[in-house]
Amino acid sequence: MSKLKRNRKIALRTIYASIAGNALLALIKGITGYFGNSYALIADAIESTTDVFSSALVWFGLKYSTKPADENHPYGHGKAEPLFTFIVVGFLLISAAVIIHESIENISTPHKVPKNYTLIVLGIIILVKEVFFRFILRRSRETRSTSLRADAWHHRSDAITSLVAFVGIGIAIIFGEGYETADDWAALIASGFIIYNAYLIFRPALGEIMDEQLHEDLIKEVRLTAEKVKGILDTEKCFIRKVGMTYYVDLHVTVDSDITVKEGHDIAHLLKDAIKEALPEVADVLIHVEPSEISDH
């Protein structure tokens, strides 16, 4: 099985787990918040519900972006992945807006103090969400998936909103009458964290769409691999574009100016094969060969 297919399989399995986890936690939060008189927990449930839909979008994006190249898409369909990430960011912003609106309304509306058991439920949820975050983030690094990274930060966002809700509910329970709105203020503060996390997800996806050069470690590995290929005297320009879970490399290399065109061509093919063997995540390498005397000038 190729590394790309393996990464695709890992990413899809990870998303299945994420969808199931978000759905279960959203249900637990919603029921506990409703019967426990906690709007912060209900707001948290709203955020988790949007996570279910956003994780489903991530799944669809991964399925589409990993389709093989065809006549109309010679570079594959990988650019769809950050596009779906933008939609995930949209879901986060919408959930933050809903929470802000509802929190402001609840602050001005008298209501009961949350029940004590809501704190226990929130404590468990925070731990579960942090575990999900670390697990999915590790998988995103392993597969180099932007959308998996977005889903991981969704879980971190949820953990933060749950933590803020925990503090707000704790204040309301400890201080009692007159502090009931601490729960709602907690939900309002949590929405700010959600917006900030939306930016953290949006920024790298935008860089991927714009072909921003953010792959210095991979460039270094490409140059080190090139140095080991017989006939390569030096490497010059090296540009890398991320397309889904794969990379496309544009590399300028220097060879002896006295060799024939065919020899230069053969060296370039050896280099391309060496890079793709050493770095399976590289889908293709475009090599520009320059004679040493021109390079010196």
Protein backbone atom coordinates (compact mmCIF):
# COMPACT_ATOMS: atom_id res chain seq x y z
CA MET A 1 0.00 0.00 0.00
CA SER A 2 1.40 3.43 -1.00
CA LYS A 3 1.98 6.05 1.68
CA LEU A 4 -0.73 8.28 0.17
CA LYS A 5 -3.33 5.49 0.35
CA ARG A 6 -2.22 4.63 3.87
CA ASN A 7 -2.51 8.29 4.95
CA ARG A 8 -5.94 8.52 3.34
CA LYS A 9 -7.09 5.44 5.25
CA ILE A 10 -5.71 6.79 8.54
CA ALA A 11 -7.31 10.21 7.99
CA LEU A 12 -10.74 8.77 7.20
CA ARG A 13 -10.68 6.44 10.22
CA THR A 14 -9.70 9.39 12.41
CA ILE A 15 -12.64 11.43 11.12
CA TYR A 16 -15.07 8.55 11.79
CA ALA A 17 -13.91 8.55 15.42
CA SER A 18 -14.20 12.34 15.59
CA ILE A 19 -17.77 12.39 14.26
CA ALA A 20 -18.90 9.67 16.70
CA GLY A 21 -17.17 11.39 19.64
CA ASN A 22 -18.63 14.82 18.85
CA ALA A 23 -22.16 13.43 18.46
CA LEU A 24 -22.01 11.59 21.80
CA LEU A 25 -20.53 14.55 23.69
CA ALA A 26 -23.01 17.02 22.16
CA LEU A 27 -25.86 14.82 23.39
CA ILE A 28 -24.38 14.51 26.89
CA LYS A 29 -23.74 18.26 27.13
CA GLY A 30 -27.19 19.19 25.86
CA ILE A 31 -29.06 16.88 28.27
CA THR A 32 -26.87 17.83 31.24
CA GLY A 33 -27.12 21.55 30.46
CA TYR A 34 -30.90 21.44 30.09
CA PHE A 35 -31.62 19.53 33.29
CA GLY A 36 -28.70 21.12 35.18
CA ASN A 37 -29.79 24.75 34.46
CA SER A 38 -26.51 25.62 32.69
CA TYR A 39 -26.56 27.72 29.53
CA ALA A 40 -22.75 27.54 29.33
CA LEU A 41 -23.12 23.77 28.96
CA ILE A 42 -25.92 24.18 26.42
CA ALA A 43 -23.70 26.63 24.49
CA ASP A 44 -20.95 24.02 24.64
CA ALA A 45 -23.41 21.47 23.23
CA ILE A 46 -24.20 23.84 20.35
CA GLU A 47 -20.49 24.11 19.58
CA SER A 48 -20.14 20.32 19.66
CA THR A 49 -23.13 19.94 17.35
CA THR A 50 -21.48 22.21 14.78
CA ASP A 51 -18.38 20.04 15.23
CA VAL A 52 -20.38 17.02 14.06
CA PHE A 53 -21.30 18.79 10.82
CA SER A 54 -17.82 20.23 10.34
CA SER A 55 -16.22 16.81 10.89
CA ALA A 56 -18.61 15.40 8.29
CA LEU A 57 -17.40 18.14 5.91
CA VAL A 58 -13.80 17.23 6.68
CA TRP A 59 -14.63 13.61 5.83
CA PHE A 60 -16.19 14.64 2.52
CA GLY A 61 -13.25 16.95 1.78
CA LEU A 62 -10.73 14.17 2.44
CA LYS A 63 -12.65 11.76 0.22
CA TYR A 64 -12.73 14.27 -2.64
CA SER A 65 -9.24 15.75 -2.23
CA THR A 66 -7.55 12.33 -2.33
CA LYS A 67 -9.13 11.35 -5.65
CA PRO A 68 -6.41 10.55 -8.23
CA ALA A 69 -5.40 13.02 -10.92
CA ASP A 70 -7.43 13.04 -14.14
CA GLU A 71 -7.41 14.86 -17.48
CA ASN A 72 -9.00 18.01 -16.05
CA HIS A 73 -7.04 17.92 -12.79
CA PRO A 74 -3.45 16.87 -13.63
CA TYR A 75 -2.28 17.89 -10.15
CA GLY A 76 -5.05 15.92 -8.46
CA HIS A 77 -7.89 17.26 -6.31
CA GLY A 78 -5.86 18.14 -3.21
CA LYS A 79 -6.63 21.87 -3.27
CA ALA A 80 -10.19 20.99 -2.27
CA GLU A 81 -8.95 20.14 1.23
CA PRO A 82 -8.19 23.74 2.35
CA LEU A 83 -11.42 24.88 0.69
CA PHE A 84 -13.37 22.54 2.95
CA THR A 85 -11.27 23.80 5.85
CA PHE A 86 -12.61 27.30 5.13
CA ILE A 87 -16.15 25.92 5.45
CA VAL A 88 -15.18 24.38 8.82
CA VAL A 89 -13.96 27.84 9.90
CA GLY A 90 -17.34 29.22 8.83
CA PHE A 91 -19.10 26.71 11.08
CA LEU A 92 -16.92 27.79 14.00
CA LEU A 93 -17.73 31.46 13.45
CA ILE A 94 -21.45 30.73 13.16
CA SER A 95 -21.41 28.73 16.40
CA ALA A 96 -19.53 31.59 18.12
CA ALA A 97 -22.12 34.10 16.87
CA VAL A 98 -25.02 31.95 18.16
CA ILE A 99 -23.36 31.59 21.57
CA ILE A 100 -22.69 35.36 21.81
CA HIS A 101 -26.30 36.19 20.95
CA GLU A 102 -27.79 33.69 23.38
CA SER A 103 -25.34 34.59 26.17
CA ILE A 104 -26.22 38.29 26.00
CA GLU A 105 -29.93 37.46 26.13
CA ASN A 106 -29.46 35.10 29.09
CA ILE A 107 -27.38 37.59 31.06
CA SER A 108 -30.40 39.91 31.21
CA THR A 109 -32.83 37.07 32.02
CA PRO A 110 -33.14 35.77 35.61
CA HIS A 111 -32.52 32.02 35.91
CA LYS A 112 -31.55 29.33 38.39
CA VAL A 113 -28.06 28.45 39.59
CA PRO A 114 -26.60 25.41 37.72
CA LYS A 115 -26.71 22.02 39.45
CA ASN A 116 -23.53 20.70 41.10
CA TYR A 117 -23.30 17.58 38.93
CA THR A 118 -22.76 19.74 35.81
CA LEU A 119 -19.20 20.35 37.05
CA ILE A 120 -18.47 16.62 37.18
CA VAL A 121 -19.78 16.12 33.66
CA LEU A 122 -17.74 19.08 32.38
CA GLY A 123 -14.56 17.81 34.04
CA ILE A 124 -14.88 14.47 32.24
CA ILE A 125 -15.69 16.19 28.93
CA ILE A 126 -12.61 18.45 29.17
CA LEU A 127 -10.35 15.42 29.60
CA VAL A 128 -12.01 13.53 26.73
CA LYS A 129 -11.77 16.53 24.39
CA GLU A 130 -8.09 17.07 25.16
CA VAL A 131 -7.40 13.41 24.39
CA PHE A 132 -9.23 13.78 21.06
CA PHE A 133 -7.25 16.94 20.26
CA ARG A 134 -3.88 15.29 20.85
CA PHE A 135 -4.86 12.12 18.99
CA ILE A 136 -6.16 13.91 15.87
CA LEU A 137 -3.33 16.47 15.84
CA ARG A 138 -0.83 13.60 15.86
CA ARG A 139 -2.69 12.00 12.95
CA SER A 140 -2.72 15.33 11.06
CA ARG A 141 1.07 15.59 11.37
CA GLU A 142 1.47 11.98 10.31
CA THR A 143 -0.69 12.43 7.21
CA ARG A 144 0.16 16.14 6.63
CA SER A 145 -3.57 16.87 6.38
CA THR A 146 -4.72 20.48 6.77
CA SER A 147 -8.34 19.50 7.35
CA LEU A 148 -7.41 16.97 10.04
CA ARG A 149 -5.45 19.72 11.76
CA ALA A 150 -8.56 21.91 11.58
CA ASP A 151 -10.63 19.13 13.14
CA ALA A 152 -8.05 18.69 15.90
CA TRP A 153 -8.24 22.37 16.78
CA HIS A 154 -12.00 22.06 16.80
CA HIS A 155 -11.59 19.63 19.68
CA ARG A 156 -9.14 21.97 21.46
CA SER A 157 -11.67 24.78 20.97
CA ASP A 158 -14.34 22.58 22.53
CA ALA A 159 -12.04 21.73 25.46
CA ILE A 160 -11.42 25.44 26.07
CA THR A 161 -15.12 26.35 25.97
CA SER A 162 -15.79 23.49 28.38
CA LEU A 163 -13.02 24.73 30.68
CA VAL A 164 -14.41 28.28 30.67
CA ALA A 165 -17.89 26.87 31.30
CA PHE A 166 -16.45 24.88 34.22
CA VAL A 167 -15.09 28.08 35.79
CA GLY A 168 -18.34 29.99 35.21
CA ILE A 169 -20.53 27.25 36.64
CA GLY A 170 -18.16 26.86 39.59
CA ILE A 171 -18.46 30.58 40.43
CA ALA A 172 -22.26 30.43 40.14
CA ILE A 173 -22.48 27.38 42.42
CA ILE A 174 -19.97 28.59 45.04
CA PHE A 175 -21.28 32.16 45.39
CA GLY A 176 -24.94 31.31 44.76
CA GLU A 177 -27.65 33.98 44.44
CA GLY A 178 -26.57 37.03 42.50
CA TYR A 179 -23.89 35.11 40.57
CA GLU A 180 -26.20 33.06 38.35
CA THR A 181 -25.04 34.97 35.24
CA ALA A 182 -21.42 33.82 35.74
CA ASP A 183 -22.48 30.78 33.74
CA ASP A 184 -23.58 33.01 30.83
CA TRP A 185 -20.51 35.23 31.03
CA ALA A 186 -18.43 32.05 30.76
CA ALA A 187 -20.24 31.13 27.55
CA LEU A 188 -19.62 34.64 26.20
CA ILE A 189 -15.89 34.45 26.96
CA ALA A 190 -15.71 30.98 25.42
CA SER A 191 -17.02 32.38 22.12
CA GLY A 192 -13.91 34.59 21.96
CA PHE A 193 -11.71 31.49 22.20
CA ILE A 194 -13.73 29.87 19.42
CA ILE A 195 -13.14 32.88 17.12
CA TYR A 196 -9.41 32.84 17.89
CA ASN A 197 -9.16 29.12 17.13
CA ALA A 198 -11.04 29.74 13.88
CA TYR A 199 -8.20 32.08 12.88
CA LEU A 200 -5.57 29.47 13.82
CA ILE A 201 -7.31 27.00 11.49
CA PHE A 202 -7.87 29.54 8.70
CA ARG A 203 -4.29 30.85 8.47
CA PRO A 204 -2.43 27.68 7.33
CA ALA A 205 -5.27 26.73 4.95
CA LEU A 206 -4.98 30.17 3.32
CA GLY A 207 -1.22 29.67 3.02
CA GLU A 208 -1.82 26.36 1.26
CA ILE A 209 -4.25 27.89 -1.24
CA MET A 210 -1.79 30.74 -1.93
CA ASP A 211 1.19 28.34 -2.29
CA GLU A 212 2.96 30.11 0.56
CA GLN A 213 6.48 28.79 1.19
CA LEU A 214 6.09 27.15 4.61
CA HIS A 215 8.00 23.93 4.04
CA GLU A 216 11.61 24.68 5.01
CA ASP A 217 12.13 21.27 6.63
CA LEU A 218 10.99 19.48 3.48
CA ILE A 219 13.17 21.74 1.28
CA LYS A 220 16.15 20.82 3.43
CA GLU A 221 15.40 17.11 2.99
CA VAL A 222 15.08 17.54 -0.80
CA ARG A 223 18.47 19.29 -0.98
CA LEU A 224 20.15 16.65 1.19
CA THR A 225 18.74 13.90 -1.04
CA ALA A 226 19.98 15.72 -4.17
CA GLU A 227 23.50 15.96 -2.78
CA LYS A 228 23.71 12.16 -2.66
CA VAL A 229 22.89 11.70 -6.37
CA LYS A 230 25.92 11.22 -8.59
CA GLY A 231 26.32 14.03 -11.10
CA ILE A 232 24.55 16.73 -9.07
CA LEU A 233 27.03 19.49 -8.26
CA ASP A 234 24.70 21.81 -6.42
CA THR A 235 21.05 22.78 -5.87
CA GLU A 236 19.68 26.27 -6.37
CA LYS A 237 16.02 27.29 -6.31
CA CYS A 238 13.66 24.90 -4.57
CA PHE A 239 9.94 25.66 -4.38
CA ILE A 240 7.34 23.37 -2.85
CA ARG A 241 3.55 23.45 -3.19
CA LYS A 242 1.26 21.49 -0.90
CA VAL A 243 -1.69 19.84 -2.65
CA GLY A 244 -3.88 17.98 -0.16
CA MET A 245 -1.68 15.45 1.60
CA THR A 246 1.01 15.52 -1.12
CA TYR A 247 3.71 17.92 -2.31
CA TYR A 248 4.96 19.10 -5.68
CA VAL A 249 8.62 20.15 -5.92
CA ASP A 250 10.24 22.57 -8.39
CA LEU A 251 14.02 22.17 -8.16
CA HIS A 252 16.94 23.81 -10.02
CA VAL A 253 20.16 21.76 -10.01
CA THR A 254 23.66 22.31 -11.35
CA VAL A 255 25.52 19.67 -13.39
CA ASP A 256 28.85 19.56 -15.22
CA SER A 257 28.60 21.75 -18.33
CA ASP A 258 30.63 19.25 -20.41
CA ILE A 259 28.15 16.35 -20.23
CA THR A 260 25.65 15.62 -23.01
CA VAL A 261 21.97 16.53 -22.95
CA LYS A 262 21.11 12.84 -22.52
CA GLU A 263 23.46 12.50 -19.54
CA GLY A 264 21.86 15.57 -17.93
CA HIS A 265 18.44 14.08 -18.62
CA ASP A 266 19.42 10.77 -17.02
CA ILE A 267 20.82 12.52 -13.93
CA ALA A 268 17.55 14.46 -13.55
CA HIS A 269 15.56 11.21 -13.68
CA LEU A 270 17.84 9.59 -11.10
CA LEU A 271 17.33 12.59 -8.85
CA LYS A 272 13.56 12.55 -9.28
CA ASP A 273 13.40 8.85 -8.40
CA ALA A 274 15.69 9.38 -5.39
CA ILE A 275 13.52 12.20 -4.01
CA LYS A 276 10.26 10.27 -4.46
CA GLU A 277 11.78 7.19 -2.82
CA ALA A 278 13.19 9.15 0.14
CA LEU A 279 10.06 11.31 0.51
CA PRO A 280 6.92 9.29 -0.40
CA GLU A 281 4.68 12.29 0.32
CA VAL A 282 6.19 14.02 -2.76
CA ALA A 283 3.83 13.37 -5.69
CA ASP A 284 6.05 14.81 -8.42
CA VAL A 285 9.33 16.67 -8.97
CA LEU A 286 10.00 19.14 -11.78
CA ILE A 287 13.77 19.48 -12.28
CA HIS A 288 15.48 22.30 -14.17
CA VAL A 289 19.07 21.40 -15.13
CA GLU A 290 21.68 24.16 -15.38
CA PRO A 291 25.31 23.81 -16.58
CA SER A 292 27.93 24.70 -13.99
CA GLU A 293 29.52 27.58 -15.96
CA ILE A 294 26.16 29.42 -16.24
CA SER A 295 25.51 28.83 -12.57
CA ASP A 296 28.90 30.36 -11.70
CA HIS A 297 27.95 33.58 -13.51
